[in-house]
């Protein structure tokens, strides 16, 4: 009887899953923390310029993100409890914890080596200040990876729910629906969490706003503003390919075509104005590392408008609204240029 019972899947239990995974959270965090400290100690004083208040805030947010991602294992656990015999699944949990932790270690090392380490001594000092302006507040490669994994997981679990329902197993179909709901809750918590900690920023003349292109960065700045009669404004916008932000895997002389941008002027009352004409180098002109060019943007703004600010963002497509930390994601604050 005991052998026969052990060969059947048990009823899914969240408390049974928590009894295994929550004690495992401590060594998971300890390993990730130890790796970060080893990078800091073994390369000292390389990271000294990055030790600012803003960097510690970023570390805290990323630690929260790592633990929210850890919670995703509950979705797999509950699902597998319903499919596998309890004895088999309990033994497989240890393997899953090890594989998940190794994957987290891989992602952490990639982010440190590719997104932080090369820039600490090469990039401008402003890059490590709390007021560093960027179109993202979460590492873009990880955000894109998370979006793709979330889409793939949604497809697989949704397909499983349909198959279970058509196969006459409504209890498993309902379980799959609960997994979808829980996964959506975790992902949306990360999405809106990073939007909540974002800040509205207004840059002064000459200050740069960085746009992450996955393996490199483009920097934009307003270098000149000329006013003409009847509320006509001519804004000179510089685009620069920051050669110090190139990923080690990217060829040093490879050209980059910027992503499509949207440009608007906003006044204090929230009214927006599109450019009437664009002269000079088009904003989609390819650049090589260290190249730059200037574009003249002409606007017609009512003379009674005040508090003018220029907004430059990547042309939003529907996936942008669901990418964690992207400036175009829901409720995310924007970075403007003062005029």
Foldseek 3Di string as FASTA:
>chain_A
DVVVLLFAQDQQDLVVVCVPLVVVVVVLLVVLVVVVVCVVVVPPPLCVLQPDPLNVVLVVLVSVLVVLVSVLVSLVRRLVSNPGRPVVSVVCVVVVSVVVSVVVVVVSVCCCQFVPRLCSVPPDSLCRDNQAAEQFSDQQVVLVVVLVVLVVVLVVLQVVLVVCVVVPNNVSNVSSVVSNVSSVVSLVCLQVVLQVPADEAEAEAPDWYWYDPNFFIKIKGWNDWDADPQQKIKTKMKIAGALSRGGPVDDQFDKDFDAAKAKWKAFPVGDIWGFPDKDWDDNRDIDGHGDMTIIITMTRDHPPTHFIWMFMAGDDDVVQCSRHRGNNHPNHHGYIYGD
